[in-house]
Structure formats: C-alpha cells, structure tokens
C-alpha atoms as a PDB file:
ATOM      1  CA  MET A   1       2.200  -4.765  26.652  1.00  0.00           C
ATOM      2  CA  ILE A   2       2.557  -1.293  24.879  1.00  0.00           C
ATOM      3  CA  GLN A   3       5.828  -1.042  22.967  1.00  0.00           C
ATOM      4  CA  SER A   4       7.403   2.478  22.057  1.00  0.00           C
ATOM      5  CA  ILE A   5       9.479   2.082  18.985  1.00  0.00           C
ATOM      6  CA  SER A   6      12.691   3.853  19.201  1.00  0.00           C
ATOM      7  CA  PHE A   7      14.563   4.926  16.015  1.00  0.00           C
ATOM      8  CA  LEU A   8      18.254   3.940  16.138  1.00  0.00           C
ATOM      9  CA  ARG A   9      20.761   2.874  13.601  1.00  0.00           C
ATOM     10  CA  GLU A  10      24.087   1.464  14.819  1.00  0.00           C
ATOM     11  CA  HIS A  11      26.267   3.198  12.249  1.00  0.00           C
ATOM     12  CA  PRO A  12      26.222   7.025  12.345  1.00  0.00           C
ATOM     13  CA  GLY A  13      27.815   7.218   9.050  1.00  0.00           C
ATOM     14  CA  ASN A  14      24.602   6.358   7.250  1.00  0.00           C
ATOM     15  CA  GLY A  15      23.041   9.661   8.255  1.00  0.00           C
ATOM     16  CA  TYR A  16      21.079   8.384  11.354  1.00  0.00           C
ATOM     17  CA  TYR A  17      21.724   8.718  14.919  1.00  0.00           C
ATOM     18  CA  ASN A  18      19.705   8.165  18.143  1.00  0.00           C
ATOM     19  CA  HIS A  19      17.366  11.161  18.144  1.00  0.00           C
ATOM     20  CA  ARG A  20      16.725  10.558  21.868  1.00  0.00           C
ATOM     21  CA  LYS A  21      20.314  11.241  22.594  1.00  0.00           C
ATOM     22  CA  LYS A  22      20.412  14.272  20.625  1.00  0.00           C
ATOM     23  CA  GLY A  23      17.500  15.815  22.356  1.00  0.00           C
ATOM     24  CA  LEU A  24      15.276  15.827  19.311  1.00  0.00           C
ATOM     25  CA  VAL A  25      12.285  14.293  20.859  1.00  0.00           C
ATOM     26  CA  GLY A  26       9.441  16.794  21.176  1.00  0.00           C
ATOM     27  CA  LYS A  27      11.353  19.187  18.857  1.00  0.00           C
ATOM     28  CA  LYS A  28      12.456  18.381  15.509  1.00  0.00           C
ATOM     29  CA  MET A  29      11.122  14.880  15.635  1.00  0.00           C
ATOM     30  CA  GLY A  30       7.718  16.258  16.685  1.00  0.00           C
ATOM     31  CA  GLU A  31       6.867  13.933  19.522  1.00  0.00           C
ATOM     32  CA  MET A  32       3.449  14.611  20.772  1.00  0.00           C
ATOM     33  CA  HIS A  33       1.213  13.767  23.840  1.00  0.00           C
ATOM     34  CA  GLU A  34      -0.926  11.630  21.551  1.00  0.00           C
ATOM     35  CA  PRO A  35       0.777   8.778  20.274  1.00  0.00           C
ATOM     36  CA  PHE A  36      -0.230   6.676  17.122  1.00  0.00           C
ATOM     37  CA  ASP A  37      -1.698   3.509  18.431  1.00  0.00           C
ATOM     38  CA  PHE A  38      -1.189   0.559  15.972  1.00  0.00           C
ATOM     39  CA  LYS A  39      -4.121  -1.669  15.431  1.00  0.00           C
ATOM     40  CA  ALA A  40      -4.605  -4.624  13.171  1.00  0.00           C
ATOM     41  CA  CYS A  41      -7.478  -6.568  11.611  1.00  0.00           C
ATOM     42  CA  ALA A  42      -7.933 -10.211  10.887  1.00  0.00           C
ATOM     43  CA  ASN A  43     -10.650 -12.126   9.010  1.00  0.00           C
ATOM     44  CA  ILE A  44     -12.359 -15.183   9.561  1.00  0.00           C
ATOM     45  CA  LEU A  45     -13.763 -16.620   6.485  1.00  0.00           C
ATOM     46  CA  LYS A  46     -17.325 -17.840   6.222  1.00  0.00           C
ATOM     47  CA  SER A  47     -18.783 -19.735   3.217  1.00  0.00           C
ATOM     48  CA  THR A  48     -22.263 -18.590   2.118  1.00  0.00           C
ATOM     49  CA  GLY A  49     -22.922 -21.917   0.226  1.00  0.00           C
ATOM     50  CA  ARG A  50     -23.703 -19.947  -2.840  1.00  0.00           C
ATOM     51  CA  SER A  51     -21.638 -20.124  -6.151  1.00  0.00           C
ATOM     52  CA  VAL A  52     -22.206 -19.008  -9.792  1.00  0.00           C
ATOM     53  CA  GLY A  53     -20.995 -20.316 -13.023  1.00  0.00           C
ATOM     54  CA  ASN A  54     -21.574 -17.390 -15.561  1.00  0.00           C
ATOM     55  CA  LEU A  55     -21.933 -13.798 -16.002  1.00  0.00           C
ATOM     56  CA  HIS A  56     -25.897 -13.723 -15.688  1.00  0.00           C
ATOM     57  CA  GLN A  57     -25.698 -15.697 -12.397  1.00  0.00           C
ATOM     58  CA  LEU A  58     -22.963 -13.352 -11.065  1.00  0.00           C
ATOM     59  CA  ARG A  59     -25.043 -10.226 -11.782  1.00  0.00           C
ATOM     60  CA  ASP A  60     -28.174 -11.727 -10.099  1.00  0.00           C
ATOM     61  CA  GLU A  61     -26.157 -13.022  -7.158  1.00  0.00           C
ATOM     62  CA  ILE A  62     -24.626  -9.628  -6.547  1.00  0.00           C
ATOM     63  CA  GLN A  63     -28.245  -8.112  -6.195  1.00  0.00           C
ATOM     64  CA  ARG A  64     -29.082 -10.905  -3.553  1.00  0.00           C
ATOM     65  CA  ALA A  65     -25.845 -11.344  -1.727  1.00  0.00           C
ATOM     66  CA  SER A  66     -25.475  -9.874   1.795  1.00  0.00           C
ATOM     67  CA  GLY A  67     -23.789  -6.537   2.289  1.00  0.00           C
ATOM     68  CA  SER A  68     -21.012  -8.517   4.264  1.00  0.00           C
ATOM     69  CA  SER A  69     -20.319 -10.544   1.194  1.00  0.00           C
ATOM     70  CA  ILE A  70     -20.184  -7.481  -1.162  1.00  0.00           C
ATOM     71  CA  PHE A  71     -17.713  -5.780   1.397  1.00  0.00           C
ATOM     72  CA  HIS A  72     -15.476  -9.052   1.668  1.00  0.00           C
ATOM     73  CA  HIS A  73     -15.173  -9.356  -2.253  1.00  0.00           C
ATOM     74  CA  THR A  74     -14.457  -5.572  -2.776  1.00  0.00           C
ATOM     75  CA  TYR A  75     -12.984  -3.621   0.241  1.00  0.00           C
ATOM     76  CA  GLN A  76     -11.059  -6.652   1.634  1.00  0.00           C
ATOM     77  CA  TYR A  77      -9.498  -7.861  -1.719  1.00  0.00           C
ATOM     78  CA  PHE A  78      -6.251  -6.072  -0.728  1.00  0.00           C
ATOM     79  CA  LEU A  79      -5.970  -7.937   2.368  1.00  0.00           C
ATOM     80  CA  LYS A  80      -5.740 -11.202   0.576  1.00  0.00           C
ATOM     81  CA  GLY A  81      -2.263 -10.644  -0.760  1.00  0.00           C
ATOM     82  CA  ARG A  82      -2.969 -11.229  -4.430  1.00  0.00           C
ATOM     83  CA  MET A  83      -3.790  -8.513  -6.786  1.00  0.00           C
ATOM     84  CA  LEU A  84      -2.508  -8.933 -10.406  1.00  0.00           C
ATOM     85  CA  GLU A  85      -4.208  -6.059 -12.227  1.00  0.00           C
ATOM     86  CA  TYR A  86      -7.534  -6.287 -10.526  1.00  0.00           C
ATOM     87  CA  THR A  87      -9.054  -4.478  -7.647  1.00  0.00           C
ATOM     88  CA  ASN A  88     -11.852  -6.946  -6.508  1.00  0.00           C
ATOM     89  CA  ASP A  89     -12.771 -10.478  -6.593  1.00  0.00           C
ATOM     90  CA  PHE A  90     -15.571 -10.066  -9.200  1.00  0.00           C
ATOM     91  CA  ALA A  91     -12.986  -8.445 -11.639  1.00  0.00           C
ATOM     92  CA  GLU A  92     -10.572 -11.165 -11.026  1.00  0.00           C
ATOM     93  CA  TRP A  93     -12.946 -13.906 -11.796  1.00  0.00           C
ATOM     94  CA  THR A  94     -14.356 -12.369 -14.884  1.00  0.00           C
ATOM     95  CA  GLY A  95     -10.872 -11.769 -16.118  1.00  0.00           C
ATOM     96  CA  GLU A  96      -9.219 -15.145 -15.186  1.00  0.00           C
ATOM     97  CA  ALA A  97     -12.090 -17.696 -15.097  1.00  0.00           C
ATOM     98  CA  LEU A  98     -14.199 -16.162 -17.910  1.00  0.00           C
ATOM     99  CA  GLY A  99     -11.411 -14.641 -19.958  1.00  0.00           C
ATOM    100  CA  ASP A 100     -13.309 -11.410 -20.378  1.00  0.00           C
ATOM    101  CA  ARG A 101     -10.574  -8.712 -19.950  1.00  0.00           C
ATOM    102  CA  ALA A 102     -12.820  -5.950 -21.122  1.00  0.00           C
ATOM    103  CA  LEU A 103     -15.495  -6.554 -18.284  1.00  0.00           C
ATOM    104  CA  ALA A 104     -12.605  -7.159 -15.708  1.00  0.00           C
ATOM    105  CA  GLU A 105     -11.035  -3.790 -16.455  1.00  0.00           C
ATOM    106  CA  GLU A 106     -14.474  -1.964 -16.140  1.00  0.00           C
ATOM    107  CA  LEU A 107     -15.089  -3.688 -12.782  1.00  0.00           C
ATOM    108  CA  SER A 108     -11.546  -2.837 -11.714  1.00  0.00           C
ATOM    109  CA  ASN A 109     -12.209   0.817 -12.437  1.00  0.00           C
ATOM    110  CA  ILE A 110     -14.919   0.818  -9.779  1.00  0.00           C
ATOM    111  CA  ASP A 111     -13.406   2.483  -6.625  1.00  0.00           C
ATOM    112  CA  PRO A 112     -15.196   1.293  -3.660  1.00  0.00           C
ATOM    113  CA  TYR A 113     -14.106   4.254  -1.490  1.00  0.00           C
ATOM    114  CA  ASP A 114     -16.230   6.512  -3.962  1.00  0.00           C
ATOM    115  CA  PHE A 115     -19.357   5.059  -2.237  1.00  0.00           C
ATOM    116  CA  THR A 116     -20.951   6.111   1.077  1.00  0.00           C
ATOM    117  CA  ASP A 117     -22.429   2.609   1.666  1.00  0.00           C
ATOM    118  CA  ILE A 118     -22.578  -0.928   0.260  1.00  0.00           C
ATOM    119  CA  GLU A 119     -25.820  -0.471  -1.552  1.00  0.00           C
ATOM    120  CA  GLY A 120     -24.258   2.303  -3.723  1.00  0.00           C
ATOM    121  CA  LEU A 121     -21.469  -0.092  -4.532  1.00  0.00           C
ATOM    122  CA  ARG A 122     -23.668  -3.064  -5.205  1.00  0.00           C
ATOM    123  CA  ASN A 123     -25.783  -0.960  -7.542  1.00  0.00           C
ATOM    124  CA  GLU A 124     -22.625   0.105  -9.462  1.00  0.00           C
ATOM    125  CA  LEU A 125     -21.388  -3.464  -9.904  1.00  0.00           C
ATOM    126  CA  PHE A 126     -24.831  -4.473 -11.090  1.00  0.00           C
ATOM    127  CA  ARG A 127     -24.981  -1.600 -13.453  1.00  0.00           C
ATOM    128  CA  VAL A 128     -21.597  -2.303 -15.039  1.00  0.00           C
ATOM    129  CA  ILE A 129     -22.194  -5.940 -15.499  1.00  0.00           C
ATOM    130  CA  SER A 130     -25.612  -5.339 -16.890  1.00  0.00           C
ATOM    131  CA  SER A 131     -24.313  -2.801 -19.365  1.00  0.00           C
ATOM    132  CA  HIS A 132     -21.688  -5.210 -20.482  1.00  0.00           C
ATOM    133  CA  MET A 133     -24.223  -8.084 -20.991  1.00  0.00           C
ATOM    134  CA  GLU A 134     -26.148  -5.720 -23.345  1.00  0.00           C
ATOM    135  CA  LYS A 135     -23.303  -5.542 -25.602  1.00  0.00           C
ATOM    136  CA  HIS A 136     -22.218  -8.994 -25.237  1.00  0.00           C
ATOM    137  CA  PRO A 137     -25.414 -11.095 -24.698  1.00  0.00           C
ATOM    138  CA  GLU A 138     -23.703 -14.540 -24.831  1.00  0.00           C
ATOM    139  CA  PRO A 139     -20.807 -14.339 -22.301  1.00  0.00           C
ATOM    140  CA  ARG A 140     -18.344 -17.184 -21.821  1.00  0.00           C
ATOM    141  CA  GLU A 141     -18.776 -19.982 -19.452  1.00  0.00           C
ATOM    142  CA  PRO A 142     -15.900 -20.856 -16.998  1.00  0.00           C
ATOM    143  CA  MET A 143     -14.149 -24.274 -16.969  1.00  0.00           C
ATOM    144  CA  PRO A 144     -15.618 -26.872 -14.467  1.00  0.00           C
ATOM    145  CA  GLY A 145     -14.242 -26.104 -11.017  1.00  0.00           C
ATOM    146  CA  ASN A 146     -13.656 -22.335 -11.695  1.00  0.00           C
ATOM    147  CA  GLU A 147     -17.013 -21.260 -10.324  1.00  0.00           C
ATOM    148  CA  PHE A 148     -17.361 -18.075  -8.291  1.00  0.00           C
ATOM    149  CA  TYR A 149     -17.926 -18.692  -4.589  1.00  0.00           C
ATOM    150  CA  PHE A 150     -19.651 -16.095  -2.403  1.00  0.00           C
ATOM    151  CA  ASN A 151     -17.981 -15.692   1.001  1.00  0.00           C
ATOM    152  CA  GLU A 152     -18.469 -13.535   3.969  1.00  0.00           C
ATOM    153  CA  THR A 153     -15.985 -12.611   6.857  1.00  0.00           C
ATOM    154  CA  VAL A 154     -16.222 -11.848  10.437  1.00  0.00           C
ATOM    155  CA  THR A 155     -13.504  -9.125  10.913  1.00  0.00           C
ATOM    156  CA  LEU A 156     -11.565  -8.881  14.283  1.00  0.00           C
ATOM    157  CA  ILE A 157      -9.919  -5.673  15.090  1.00  0.00           C
ATOM    158  CA  TYR A 158      -7.363  -5.639  17.861  1.00  0.00           C
ATOM    159  CA  PRO A 159      -4.603  -3.450  19.364  1.00  0.00           C
ATOM    160  CA  VAL A 160      -1.029  -4.735  18.514  1.00  0.00           C
ATOM    161  CA  GLY A 161       0.612  -3.110  21.441  1.00  0.00           C
ATOM    162  CA  ILE A 162       2.927  -0.779  19.443  1.00  0.00           C
ATOM    163  CA  ARG A 163       2.700   3.154  19.879  1.00  0.00           C
ATOM    164  CA  ALA A 164       4.734   5.911  17.811  1.00  0.00           C
ATOM    165  CA  SER A 165       5.250   9.215  19.396  1.00  0.00           C
ATOM    166  CA  ASN A 166       7.048  10.832  16.543  1.00  0.00           C
ATOM    167  CA  LEU A 167       7.891  10.341  12.976  1.00  0.00           C
ATOM    168  CA  ALA A 168      10.980   8.132  13.369  1.00  0.00           C
ATOM    169  CA  GLU A 169       8.930   5.921  15.606  1.00  0.00           C
ATOM    170  CA  LEU A 170       6.103   5.700  13.128  1.00  0.00           C
ATOM    171  CA  TYR A 171       8.653   4.936  10.330  1.00  0.00           C
ATOM    172  CA  SER A 172      10.155   2.057  12.392  1.00  0.00           C
ATOM    173  CA  ALA A 173       6.784   0.591  13.257  1.00  0.00           C
ATOM    174  CA  ILE A 174       5.590   0.786   9.730  1.00  0.00           C
ATOM    175  CA  LYS A 175       8.484  -1.391   8.497  1.00  0.00           C
ATOM    176  CA  TYR A 176       7.825  -4.244  10.888  1.00  0.00           C
ATOM    177  CA  VAL A 177       4.015  -4.357  11.872  1.00  0.00           C
ATOM    178  CA  ASP A 178       1.756  -7.087  10.480  1.00  0.00           C
ATOM    179  CA  ALA A 179       0.354  -6.638   7.021  1.00  0.00           C
ATOM    180  CA  GLY A 180      -3.157  -6.477   8.716  1.00  0.00           C
ATOM    181  CA  SER A 181      -2.197  -3.301  10.422  1.00  0.00           C
ATOM    182  CA  ILE A 182      -1.026  -1.516   7.351  1.00  0.00           C
ATOM    183  CA  TYR A 183      -4.332  -2.525   5.773  1.00  0.00           C
ATOM    184  CA  TYR A 184      -6.338  -1.347   8.611  1.00  0.00           C
ATOM    185  CA  HIS A 185      -4.728   2.071   8.863  1.00  0.00           C
ATOM    186  CA  PHE A 186      -4.253   2.678   5.147  1.00  0.00           C
ATOM    187  CA  TYR A 187      -7.332   0.978   3.392  1.00  0.00           C
ATOM    188  CA  GLU A 188      -9.820   0.377   6.059  1.00  0.00           C
ATOM    189  CA  ALA A 189      -9.394   3.904   7.452  1.00  0.00           C
ATOM    190  CA  ARG A 190     -10.830   5.344   4.156  1.00  0.00           C
ATOM    191  CA  ARG A 191     -13.981   3.406   4.644  1.00  0.00           C
ATOM    192  CA  ARG A 192     -14.344   4.457   8.222  1.00  0.00           C
ATOM    193  CA  GLY A 193     -13.661   8.092   7.484  1.00  0.00           C
ATOM    194  CA  GLY A 194     -15.662   8.315   4.338  1.00  0.00           C
ATOM    195  CA  GLY A 195     -12.957  10.106   2.435  1.00  0.00           C
ATOM    196  CA  PRO A 196      -9.424   9.958   1.017  1.00  0.00           C
ATOM    197  CA  ALA A 197      -7.612  10.182   4.263  1.00  0.00           C
ATOM    198  CA  ASP A 198      -5.781   7.221   5.915  1.00  0.00           C
ATOM    199  CA  ASP A 199      -4.854   7.022   9.623  1.00  0.00           C
ATOM    200  CA  PHE A 200      -1.290   7.750   9.044  1.00  0.00           C
ATOM    201  CA  SER A 201      -1.751  10.953   7.072  1.00  0.00           C
ATOM    202  CA  THR A 202      -4.406  12.092   9.592  1.00  0.00           C
ATOM    203  CA  TRP A 203      -2.092  11.699  12.506  1.00  0.00           C
ATOM    204  CA  ILE A 204       0.858  13.231  10.707  1.00  0.00           C
ATOM    205  CA  GLU A 205      -1.124  16.258   9.792  1.00  0.00           C
ATOM    206  CA  LYS A 206      -2.951  16.535  13.206  1.00  0.00           C
ATOM    207  CA  ALA A 207      -0.216  15.531  15.686  1.00  0.00           C
ATOM    208  CA  LEU A 208       3.005  16.618  13.934  1.00  0.00           C
ATOM    209  CA  ALA A 209       1.587  19.565  11.760  1.00  0.00           C
ATOM    210  CA  LYS A 210       3.160  18.119   8.588  1.00  0.00           C
ATOM    211  CA  THR A 211       0.626  18.975   6.124  1.00  0.00           C
ATOM    212  CA  GLU A 212       2.919  18.452   2.979  1.00  0.00           C
ATOM    213  CA  LEU A 213       3.908  14.927   4.117  1.00  0.00           C
ATOM    214  CA  ALA A 214       0.409  14.059   4.755  1.00  0.00           C
ATOM    215  CA  GLY A 215      -0.488  15.191   1.451  1.00  0.00           C
ATOM    216  CA  ARG A 216       2.221  12.974  -0.247  1.00  0.00           C
ATOM    217  CA  ILE A 217       0.962   9.989   1.733  1.00  0.00           C
ATOM    218  CA  ARG A 218      -2.695  10.714   0.743  1.00  0.00           C
ATOM    219  CA  ALA A 219      -1.505  10.780  -3.080  1.00  0.00           C
ATOM    220  CA  ILE A 220      -0.821   7.122  -2.689  1.00  0.00           C
ATOM    221  CA  ASP A 221      -3.469   5.358  -4.843  1.00  0.00           C
ATOM    222  CA  PRO A 222      -4.807   2.306  -2.666  1.00  0.00           C
ATOM    223  CA  LEU A 223      -6.074   0.668  -5.751  1.00  0.00           C
ATOM    224  CA  MET A 224      -2.591   0.633  -7.411  1.00  0.00           C
ATOM    225  CA  TYR A 225      -0.604  -1.211  -4.715  1.00  0.00           C
ATOM    226  CA  THR A 226      -0.731  -4.430  -2.830  1.00  0.00           C
ATOM    227  CA  VAL A 227      -0.443  -3.983   1.071  1.00  0.00           C
ATOM    228  CA  GLU A 228       3.413  -4.739   1.059  1.00  0.00           C
ATOM    229  CA  GLN A 229       4.009  -2.092  -1.720  1.00  0.00           C
ATOM    230  CA  VAL A 230       2.022   0.368   0.272  1.00  0.00           C
ATOM    231  CA  ARG A 231       4.283  -0.473   3.156  1.00  0.00           C
ATOM    232  CA  THR A 232       7.424   0.078   1.045  1.00  0.00           C
ATOM    233  CA  THR A 233       6.088   3.355  -0.300  1.00  0.00           C
ATOM    234  CA  LEU A 234       5.114   4.698   3.079  1.00  0.00           C
ATOM    235  CA  SER A 235       8.573   3.741   4.434  1.00  0.00           C
ATOM    236  CA  ARG A 236      10.348   5.528   1.610  1.00  0.00           C
ATOM    237  CA  ILE A 237       8.296   8.713   1.980  1.00  0.00           C
ATOM    238  CA  ILE A 238       8.619   8.721   5.620  1.00  0.00           C
ATOM    239  CA  GLU A 239      12.206   7.944   5.844  1.00  0.00           C
ATOM    240  CA  TYR A 240      13.010  10.801   3.542  1.00  0.00           C
ATOM    241  CA  GLU A 241      11.238  13.207   5.958  1.00  0.00           C
ATOM    242  CA  VAL A 242      12.927  11.806   8.987  1.00  0.00           C
ATOM    243  CA  ARG A 243      16.293  12.184   7.253  1.00  0.00           C
ATOM    244  CA  ARG A 244      15.413  15.805   6.737  1.00  0.00           C
ATOM    245  CA  ASP A 245      14.357  16.182  10.499  1.00  0.00           C
ATOM    246  CA  ILE A 246      17.453  14.884  11.901  1.00  0.00           C
ATOM    247  CA  GLU A 247      19.982  16.645   9.535  1.00  0.00           C
ATOM    248  CA  VAL A 248      22.377  18.393  11.613  1.00  0.00           C
ATOM    249  CA  PRO A 249      23.017  21.910  10.119  1.00  0.00           C
ATOM    250  CA  PRO A 250      26.655  23.022   9.448  1.00  0.00           C
ATOM    251  CA  GLN A 251      28.255  24.856  12.436  1.00  0.00           C
END
C-alpha cells in the first residue's frame, strides 16, 4: 500500500503548521505530479570460501575476485553500519588486522564513484597495494583468526510503499524510512547515475526546481558519513528549506 507522508506538527508555536490546511500544496510547498517513490535495498550475504592472511595474498585475490565481491567490499561498505575512519573493507582490514595505517589511508582515499566500472576500481586497488608493497616489502601478518574473508551479496531492491509529493513530505519520510532506503537513494544512486547526483537532489532539482537546495545536498561527501549521519544531514538541510517555504510573511 502506498503511503503519502503528510507534514504536520501539533504545536504551531514551533514554526510549523499543516501546509495542507493553509493551501500551500502545489504552491509554496512545490507539490508535483511526479512524486518521489521511496525504494530500499537489502543484501543477502554469500561466502566465496576464499580468505587471505597477508597483503600479498590480498593483492592477488583482488585480481581474481568476482566483480560482485569487489562491489560488496567497496560500494556496499556504508550499508553495513560500521565505518571508523575507513571507506571500504580492504582499508579497514589493513588498518585494523595488519596495523598498517598508511596503506589503510591510501585505500580509503579511493573513491569508488570515480570509476565507471568495477574493473577500473579493481585495477586501482591493485595498483595502490602493489605500490605500497614496493616500499614495504615485508608487510605485517595478522593475528590468527583475523584473516580477510571475501564475500559476495545478492541485492534485493524493493518499493517501501512511501511517496513524497512535496518537500515537506520528503523531509518527513527521510526521517523515518529504513537505512536501506537512504543508502539506495543517496549512495547507490551515484553508481546507477555514473555521477555525483543522488536521487534526492535530482528529484528536488527537476520536480521542485530548487537548484540551490539540490546543490547543497550534492555537496554532502558520501565517504565522510555513515548512512545515519547522511540521514541527519539531509533532514537538517531540508528542514531549513521547509521552514523558509512555510514562513508566513508579515501582514
């Protein structure tokens, strides 16, 4: 069942009021004929049965691993809810299991969204590790039990049954949808679109003609935040715009 999110606060003293009652839908609130349909993604983890215990093995396995496995350990890192200062599983393992902070930083500096395909990303991972190994030919070994396990995922994409027809409804939905929905529309959208635009900013720009707001959302660096931090940042930016839209001018 499709739900339409209505933006309503019970206390008018906090600066909000029911925009439907005030007749702002389709005007100041920018309700459009094409609503934003929220979708989400969920992953089913599959083990490849392959693991590595040192940097040499990691480099060689990255060359052999399936594209699905490389995708899982890089693009889908942010869906896992743990980040520390890393941006992919390879960086986290080299930093935590091997204690090689320098290499971990180099691997974290790789932005997967800079690449048009998995092979380009795979080659860059291989190049960075190979270059590091030339400078440090005897890398550390991890403690037993801290091997790196290569996995793959089957990703399911599904509608969540929520639509937003204006900015206030988008704000309300973003605050409460599942984290998998934020990930799909903010992170996964960049891979699908092959550029810096996420689904939220694209819809805001095209449907609501709010170019400046879209630009502020696109300025959010996906590699610097967890999914929940992205949600909070999106909510803050959009709420500010909603407040401006529903502000009643003095008579």
